[in-house]
Protein backbone atom coordinates (compact mmCIF):
# COMPACT_ATOMS: atom_id res chain seq x y z
CA MET A 1 31.37 5.71 33.89
CA ASN A 2 34.80 6.52 32.50
CA LEU A 3 36.50 5.02 29.47
CA THR A 4 38.82 5.55 26.52
CA ILE A 5 37.86 4.24 23.10
CA ALA A 6 39.21 4.32 19.53
CA LYS A 7 37.09 6.53 17.28
CA GLU A 8 36.69 3.76 14.67
CA GLN A 9 35.35 1.35 17.32
CA LEU A 10 32.75 3.85 18.53
CA ILE A 11 31.77 4.78 14.95
CA SER A 12 31.24 1.13 13.94
CA GLY A 13 29.13 0.52 17.06
CA LEU A 14 26.98 3.62 16.58
CA GLN A 15 26.54 2.92 12.86
CA ALA A 16 25.23 -0.54 13.67
CA VAL A 17 22.56 0.64 16.13
CA GLN A 18 21.51 4.21 15.31
CA ASN A 19 19.40 3.40 12.23
CA ILE A 20 16.58 1.98 14.37
CA VAL A 21 16.01 5.35 16.08
CA GLY A 22 13.22 7.31 14.38
CA SER A 23 13.22 11.08 14.05
CA ARG A 24 9.69 11.37 15.44
CA THR A 25 9.25 9.51 18.69
CA THR A 26 6.85 10.30 21.53
CA LEU A 27 9.17 8.90 24.23
CA PRO A 28 12.41 10.94 24.60
CA ILE A 29 14.31 7.85 25.84
CA LEU A 30 13.78 6.16 22.43
CA SER A 31 15.93 8.88 20.82
CA ASN A 32 18.82 7.76 23.02
CA VAL A 33 21.38 5.00 22.79
CA LEU A 34 22.00 2.91 25.92
CA VAL A 35 25.74 2.98 26.66
CA LYS A 36 27.03 0.31 29.05
CA ALA A 37 30.73 -0.05 29.94
CA GLU A 38 32.23 -3.01 31.77
CA GLY A 39 35.33 -5.18 31.49
CA SER A 40 37.00 -4.28 28.21
CA ARG A 41 33.76 -3.69 26.25
CA LEU A 42 31.32 -0.90 25.54
CA GLU A 43 27.84 -2.14 24.66
CA LEU A 44 25.56 0.16 22.64
CA THR A 45 21.81 -0.53 22.33
CA ALA A 46 18.98 1.30 20.51
CA THR A 47 15.31 0.34 20.30
CA ASP A 48 11.93 1.42 18.95
CA LEU A 49 10.15 -1.04 21.34
CA ASP A 50 9.50 -3.53 18.49
CA VAL A 51 13.05 -3.99 17.22
CA SER A 52 16.27 -3.56 19.24
CA VAL A 53 19.84 -3.53 17.95
CA SER A 54 22.88 -4.05 20.21
CA CYS A 55 26.57 -3.90 19.35
CA SER A 56 29.56 -4.56 21.59
CA VAL A 57 32.91 -2.87 20.83
CA GLU A 58 36.35 -2.81 22.45
CA ALA A 59 37.11 -0.06 24.97
CA SER A 60 39.51 0.64 27.82
CA VAL A 61 37.13 0.95 30.79
CA LYS A 62 38.47 2.78 33.85
CA LYS A 63 35.14 2.89 35.67
CA ALA A 64 32.18 0.69 34.76
CA GLY A 65 28.74 2.21 34.43
CA SER A 66 25.88 3.05 32.09
CA THR A 67 23.87 5.99 30.77
CA THR A 68 21.83 6.96 27.71
CA ILE A 69 22.85 9.62 25.18
CA PRO A 70 20.85 11.22 22.30
CA VAL A 71 22.18 9.00 19.51
CA LYS A 72 21.92 11.30 16.47
CA LYS A 73 23.79 14.15 18.20
CA PHE A 74 26.34 11.72 19.67
CA PHE A 75 27.01 10.08 16.31
CA GLY A 76 27.17 13.47 14.56
CA ILE A 77 29.86 14.75 16.95
CA VAL A 78 31.96 11.55 16.97
CA ARG A 79 31.93 11.28 13.18
CA GLU A 80 33.33 14.80 12.74
CA LEU A 81 36.12 14.55 15.36
CA SER A 82 39.66 14.52 13.98
CA SER A 83 41.26 12.79 16.99
CA GLN A 84 41.47 8.98 16.75
CA GLU A 85 41.11 8.40 20.51
CA LEU A 86 38.18 9.61 22.60
CA GLU A 87 37.55 9.78 26.33
CA LEU A 88 34.01 9.48 27.74
CA ALA A 89 33.04 10.27 31.34
CA THR A 90 29.52 10.42 32.78
CA ASP A 91 28.63 12.18 36.03
CA ASP A 92 25.77 11.39 38.41
CA LYS A 93 23.50 13.91 36.63
CA GLN A 94 23.72 11.86 33.39
CA VAL A 95 25.91 14.46 31.66
CA THR A 96 28.52 12.77 29.47
CA SER A 97 31.77 14.63 28.75
CA LEU A 98 33.50 13.78 25.49
CA SER A 99 37.19 14.75 25.16
CA ALA A 100 39.16 14.26 21.95
CA GLY A 101 42.37 16.24 21.38
CA ALA A 102 41.44 19.94 21.36
CA SER A 103 37.68 19.16 21.28
CA PHE A 104 35.46 18.96 24.37
CA TYR A 105 31.70 18.35 24.51
CA LYS A 106 29.10 17.85 27.23
CA ILE A 107 25.94 15.96 26.26
CA ARG A 108 22.90 15.69 28.51
CA GLY A 109 21.40 12.22 28.66
CA LEU A 110 18.85 10.24 30.65
CA ALA A 111 19.35 7.55 33.30
CA SER A 112 19.89 4.04 31.97
CA GLU A 113 17.09 2.80 34.27
CA GLU A 114 14.60 4.64 32.03
CA PHE A 115 15.68 2.62 28.97
CA PRO A 116 13.17 -0.13 28.04
CA PRO A 117 14.48 -3.57 29.10
CA ILE A 118 15.50 -5.81 26.19
CA SER A 119 14.35 -9.35 26.89
CA GLN A 120 16.72 -12.02 25.57
CA SER A 121 15.27 -15.08 23.89
CA LYS A 122 16.16 -18.06 26.09
CA ASP A 123 14.63 -20.46 23.62
CA ASP A 124 16.53 -23.57 22.54
CA ARG A 125 15.25 -23.22 18.98
CA LYS A 126 18.59 -22.16 17.56
CA VAL A 127 20.12 -22.50 14.13
CA VAL A 128 23.50 -21.19 12.90
CA LEU A 129 23.83 -20.39 9.20
CA PRO A 130 26.23 -18.55 6.87
CA GLN A 131 25.38 -14.83 6.66
CA GLU A 132 25.88 -14.94 2.90
CA LYS A 133 23.02 -17.45 2.48
CA ILE A 134 20.54 -15.50 4.62
CA ARG A 135 21.54 -12.24 2.93
CA SER A 136 20.96 -13.70 -0.53
CA MET A 137 17.57 -15.21 0.46
CA MET A 138 16.35 -11.95 2.00
CA LYS A 139 17.47 -9.90 -0.99
CA LYS A 140 15.42 -12.17 -3.26
CA THR A 141 12.22 -11.83 -1.19
CA SER A 142 12.14 -8.65 0.93
CA PHE A 143 11.13 -6.33 -1.94
CA ALA A 144 7.73 -8.10 -2.12
CA ILE A 145 6.76 -7.41 1.54
CA SER A 146 3.38 -5.69 1.81
CA THR A 147 3.22 -2.15 3.21
CA ASP A 148 -0.57 -2.35 3.70
CA GLU A 149 -0.98 -2.28 7.48
CA SER A 150 -4.53 -3.63 7.32
CA ARG A 151 -3.05 -7.01 6.27
CA TYR A 152 -0.43 -7.03 9.01
CA VAL A 153 0.56 -10.71 8.59
CA LEU A 154 1.97 -9.74 5.16
CA ASN A 155 4.13 -6.94 6.67
CA GLY A 156 7.13 -9.24 6.97
CA ILE A 157 8.89 -12.32 5.63
CA TYR A 158 7.40 -15.73 6.39
CA VAL A 159 10.19 -18.10 7.46
CA SER A 160 9.68 -21.87 7.60
CA MET A 161 12.35 -24.22 8.96
CA LYS A 162 11.43 -27.85 8.46
CA GLU A 163 13.13 -31.09 7.44
CA ASN A 164 16.45 -29.40 6.65
CA LYS A 165 14.78 -26.88 4.36
CA LEU A 166 14.71 -23.13 5.00
CA THR A 167 11.92 -21.33 3.10
CA MET A 168 11.34 -17.58 2.90
CA VAL A 169 8.22 -16.02 1.36
CA ALA A 170 7.04 -12.44 0.91
CA THR A 171 3.85 -11.25 -0.80
CA ASP A 172 1.66 -8.17 -1.02
CA GLY A 173 -1.25 -9.92 -2.73
CA ARG A 174 -0.21 -8.78 -6.23
CA ARG A 175 3.13 -10.60 -6.41
CA LEU A 176 4.92 -13.28 -4.43
CA ALA A 177 8.62 -14.07 -4.01
CA LEU A 178 9.75 -17.45 -2.68
CA VAL A 179 13.17 -18.94 -2.09
CA ASP A 180 14.08 -22.19 -0.35
CA GLU A 181 17.46 -23.67 0.47
CA GLU A 182 18.71 -26.95 1.90
CA VAL A 183 20.32 -26.20 5.28
CA ASP A 184 21.16 -28.15 8.44
CA ILE A 185 18.34 -27.48 10.88
CA PRO A 186 18.24 -29.30 14.24
CA ASP A 187 14.79 -30.85 14.88
CA SER A 188 14.48 -28.67 17.96
CA ALA A 189 14.79 -25.47 15.87
CA GLY A 190 11.97 -26.23 13.41
CA GLY A 191 8.95 -23.98 13.12
CA GLU A 192 7.23 -21.17 11.23
CA TYR A 193 7.73 -17.48 11.97
CA ILE A 194 6.91 -14.07 10.46
CA ILE A 195 9.78 -11.60 10.86
CA PRO A 196 8.59 -7.95 10.53
CA ALA A 197 9.83 -5.65 7.77
CA LYS A 198 11.73 -3.33 10.11
CA ALA A 199 13.90 -6.18 11.41
CA ILE A 200 14.38 -7.41 7.83
CA ASN A 201 15.55 -3.92 6.78
CA GLU A 202 18.11 -3.92 9.60
CA LEU A 203 19.32 -7.38 8.62
CA ASN A 204 19.61 -6.37 4.94
CA ARG A 205 21.74 -3.41 6.09
CA LEU A 206 23.99 -5.31 8.49
CA LEU A 207 24.48 -8.76 6.92
CA THR A 208 27.76 -9.35 5.10
CA ASP A 209 29.06 -12.01 2.70
CA ALA A 210 31.24 -13.57 5.41
CA GLY A 211 30.70 -14.88 8.94
CA GLN A 212 27.78 -16.64 10.65
CA ILE A 213 24.32 -15.68 11.85
CA GLU A 214 22.76 -17.32 14.90
CA LEU A 215 18.94 -17.34 14.78
CA ARG A 216 16.95 -17.97 17.96
CA PHE A 217 13.17 -18.15 18.04
CA GLY A 218 10.86 -17.88 21.01
CA GLU A 219 7.06 -17.81 21.22
CA ASN A 220 6.67 -14.23 20.00
CA GLN A 221 10.24 -13.01 19.69
CA ALA A 222 13.35 -13.73 17.66
CA SER A 223 16.95 -12.77 18.18
CA MET A 224 19.59 -12.74 15.45
CA LYS A 225 23.26 -12.55 16.37
CA LEU A 226 25.57 -11.54 13.53
CA LYS A 227 29.09 -12.91 13.93
CA PRO A 228 31.24 -11.35 11.19
CA GLU A 229 34.73 -12.62 10.35
CA LYS A 230 36.05 -9.23 11.42
CA GLY A 231 34.38 -6.34 13.21
CA PRO A 232 31.99 -6.29 16.19
CA GLU A 233 29.13 -8.71 16.84
CA VAL A 234 25.65 -7.26 16.41
CA ARG A 235 22.42 -8.61 17.91
CA ILE A 236 18.96 -7.78 16.57
CA THR A 237 16.01 -8.62 18.80
CA THR A 238 12.51 -8.34 17.34
CA LYS A 239 8.90 -9.11 18.14
CA LEU A 240 7.45 -11.60 15.66
CA ILE A 241 4.23 -10.90 13.75
CA GLU A 242 1.44 -12.99 15.25
CA GLY A 243 -1.14 -14.59 13.00
CA ASN A 244 -1.45 -17.21 10.27
CA TYR A 245 0.35 -16.58 7.00
CA PRO A 246 -1.92 -17.30 4.00
CA ASN A 247 -1.47 -20.50 1.98
CA TYR A 248 0.99 -19.11 -0.56
CA ARG A 249 1.20 -22.42 -2.48
CA GLN A 250 -2.33 -21.76 -3.82
CA VAL A 251 -1.23 -18.81 -5.97
CA ILE A 252 1.65 -20.65 -7.67
CA PRO A 253 0.35 -21.87 -11.08
CA SER A 254 0.45 -25.67 -11.28
CA GLU A 255 0.86 -25.67 -15.07
CA THR A 256 2.54 -23.55 -17.69
CA LYS A 257 1.99 -23.21 -21.44
CA GLU A 258 5.01 -21.24 -22.60
CA ARG A 259 8.50 -20.99 -21.09
CA VAL A 260 10.81 -18.28 -22.44
CA THR A 261 14.53 -17.90 -21.74
CA LEU A 262 15.57 -14.25 -21.42
CA SER A 263 18.70 -12.23 -20.69
CA ARG A 264 18.11 -10.66 -17.27
CA GLU A 265 20.20 -7.54 -18.00
CA GLU A 266 18.62 -6.91 -21.40
CA LEU A 267 15.06 -7.31 -20.07
CA LEU A 268 15.81 -5.19 -16.97
CA HIS A 269 17.14 -2.21 -18.93
CA ALA A 270 14.35 -2.39 -21.54
CA LEU A 271 11.75 -2.35 -18.73
CA LYS A 272 13.50 0.53 -16.92
CA ARG A 273 13.42 2.62 -20.12
CA ALA A 274 9.77 1.76 -20.85
CA GLU A 275 8.75 2.53 -17.25
CA ILE A 276 9.82 6.17 -17.75
CA MET A 277 6.89 6.58 -20.15
CA THR A 278 4.27 5.33 -17.68
CA SER A 279 2.22 7.51 -15.32
CA ASP A 280 0.14 7.03 -12.17
CA LYS A 281 -2.99 6.66 -14.33
CA ALA A 282 -1.40 4.38 -16.94
CA ASN A 283 1.08 2.33 -14.94
CA SER A 284 1.50 -0.78 -17.06
CA VAL A 285 3.79 -2.16 -19.74
CA LYS A 286 2.67 -4.69 -22.34
CA LEU A 287 4.83 -7.70 -23.11
CA ALA A 288 3.95 -9.18 -26.52
CA PHE A 289 5.57 -12.56 -27.21
CA THR A 290 5.62 -13.45 -30.91
CA LYS A 291 7.87 -15.72 -32.97
CA ASN A 292 11.47 -15.04 -31.83
CA ASN A 293 10.56 -11.58 -30.56
CA LEU A 294 9.47 -9.83 -27.36
CA ALA A 295 7.96 -6.37 -27.84
CA ILE A 296 7.68 -4.18 -24.72
CA THR A 297 5.38 -1.17 -25.03
CA ALA A 298 4.17 1.54 -22.67
CA ASN A 299 1.56 4.10 -23.61
CA SER A 300 0.46 6.96 -21.41
CA PRO A 301 -1.73 9.68 -23.03
CA ASP A 302 -0.27 12.48 -20.87
CA VAL A 303 3.39 11.32 -21.15
CA GLY A 304 3.98 9.58 -24.48
CA GLU A 305 4.84 6.07 -25.59
CA ALA A 306 7.75 3.62 -25.56
CA ARG A 307 8.58 0.65 -27.77
CA GLU A 308 11.34 -1.86 -27.09
CA SER A 309 12.13 -4.99 -29.06
CA ILE A 310 14.20 -7.95 -27.81
CA ALA A 311 15.21 -10.93 -29.98
CA ILE A 312 14.35 -14.16 -28.16
CA ASN A 313 14.16 -17.87 -28.89
CA TYR A 314 10.37 -18.34 -28.92
CA LYS A 315 8.29 -20.73 -31.02
CA GLY A 316 5.04 -20.72 -29.02
CA SER A 317 1.69 -19.09 -29.70
CA ASP A 318 1.38 -15.29 -29.60
CA VAL A 319 0.72 -13.98 -26.08
CA THR A 320 0.31 -10.36 -24.94
CA VAL A 321 0.22 -9.68 -21.21
CA ALA A 322 0.43 -6.44 -19.20
CA PHE A 323 2.27 -5.95 -15.89
CA ASN A 324 3.15 -3.18 -13.48
CA PRO A 325 6.78 -2.57 -14.63
CA GLY A 326 8.03 -2.08 -11.06
CA TYR A 327 6.85 -5.58 -10.17
CA LEU A 328 9.20 -7.01 -12.83
CA ILE A 329 12.09 -4.59 -12.27
CA GLU A 330 12.41 -5.32 -8.53
CA PRO A 331 13.01 -9.10 -8.78
CA LEU A 332 15.34 -8.61 -11.79
CA ASN A 333 17.35 -6.10 -9.70
CA ALA A 334 17.55 -8.57 -6.80
CA LEU A 335 18.92 -11.42 -8.93
CA ALA A 336 22.47 -11.89 -10.17
CA ASP A 337 21.84 -14.65 -12.75
CA GLU A 338 22.50 -13.89 -16.42
CA GLU A 339 19.59 -16.04 -17.59
CA ILE A 340 16.01 -16.03 -16.33
CA PHE A 341 12.96 -18.03 -17.37
CA PHE A 342 9.53 -16.49 -17.80
CA GLU A 343 6.53 -18.84 -17.72
CA LEU A 344 3.15 -17.89 -19.20
CA ILE A 345 -0.31 -19.38 -19.63
CA ASP A 346 -2.37 -16.54 -21.17
CA ASP A 347 -3.02 -12.77 -20.85
CA LEU A 348 -5.13 -13.15 -17.68
CA SER A 349 -3.00 -15.66 -15.73
CA PRO A 350 -0.07 -14.87 -13.44
CA GLY A 351 3.42 -14.77 -14.92
CA VAL A 352 6.13 -16.81 -13.21
CA LEU A 353 9.79 -15.82 -13.10
CA LYS A 354 12.38 -18.51 -12.34
CA ILE A 355 16.14 -19.00 -12.39
CA ASN A 356 18.45 -22.03 -12.36
CA GLY A 357 18.20 -22.13 -8.58
CA PRO A 358 15.76 -22.21 -5.64
CA PHE A 359 13.84 -19.01 -6.51
CA LEU A 360 10.31 -18.43 -7.78
CA TYR A 361 8.38 -15.21 -8.37
CA VAL A 362 4.69 -14.96 -9.23
CA VAL A 363 3.25 -11.69 -10.56
CA MET A 364 -0.40 -10.92 -11.31
CA PRO A 365 -1.15 -9.38 -14.71
CA MET A 366 -2.99 -6.10 -15.27
CA ARG A 367 -6.07 -5.92 -17.50
CA LEU A 368 -5.30 -5.06 -21.09
CA SER A 369 -7.12 -1.89 -22.07
């Protein structure tokens, strides 16, 4: 393999793929990036066996070929080089020489044949959507993904594509985030899938506010091709989580007693300040709704106490309910709306957060001590 490539092209390709490589891996090949040169492209691929990320960038290829290179070292060297054009050449012992101006490096790699094969989804179940829409939907749900590995079906986002409606749900059993949007979905692409958290994290990192995303679903695998308006295409291939997602509709309260309109920014900053005065043992804030006032209090014997007061338009009966502050801060951080609506029944029922849009968030209360 022998090629010349612009530094910025190689950097953008390595940045897209290197995140998936963990620092502690039992297989040495998984620390490497697969580098494949042919035509006028250099394709870079990294994998952890569950999720794979590939990116194709422009290069001037003199001799086609492939190898694998330790990605963290490779990226570290390329990033620090001052020359804007780099030359790569790999010999038959899998040693890659990197020349750039007055700099010269030799990096030992492994044969490309050792790299795990990445199977491509040949499924017809394909849908093309704006990246901006998927990015917004994932931002509003991904924070609620469960990290409890014993309930593995909750370790991802549930995606339903039916009757021109795309629904995304994430829950950890204590709170649930749901967003659904009207989109054009071909009948052939309909179905229900659970995309694992690691693939979601990569998507959150790589999605932009412009361009398209092509989603393809197979029996137990999905592939997502990101087509930005400018910059290289990136493909994420992931195993899907197998199993039945719980009936999330059951936990959404069918009635509500009180509905309060709140300023998202004001509530967010009051909660952030109050959270400082909580501790691991006393990790709750009380929200007391009284006539035209919301009082937020936190009391932790070993830390101290906090009191916040927000003027609101409220004429309902007095309600005091306690929540884990983080479970309110995360959805408020993920939203951009100025106004939010908080729905309540009583101090033991879930609270529901809504906006003027297709978003709903259910959070379980904590017992008042």
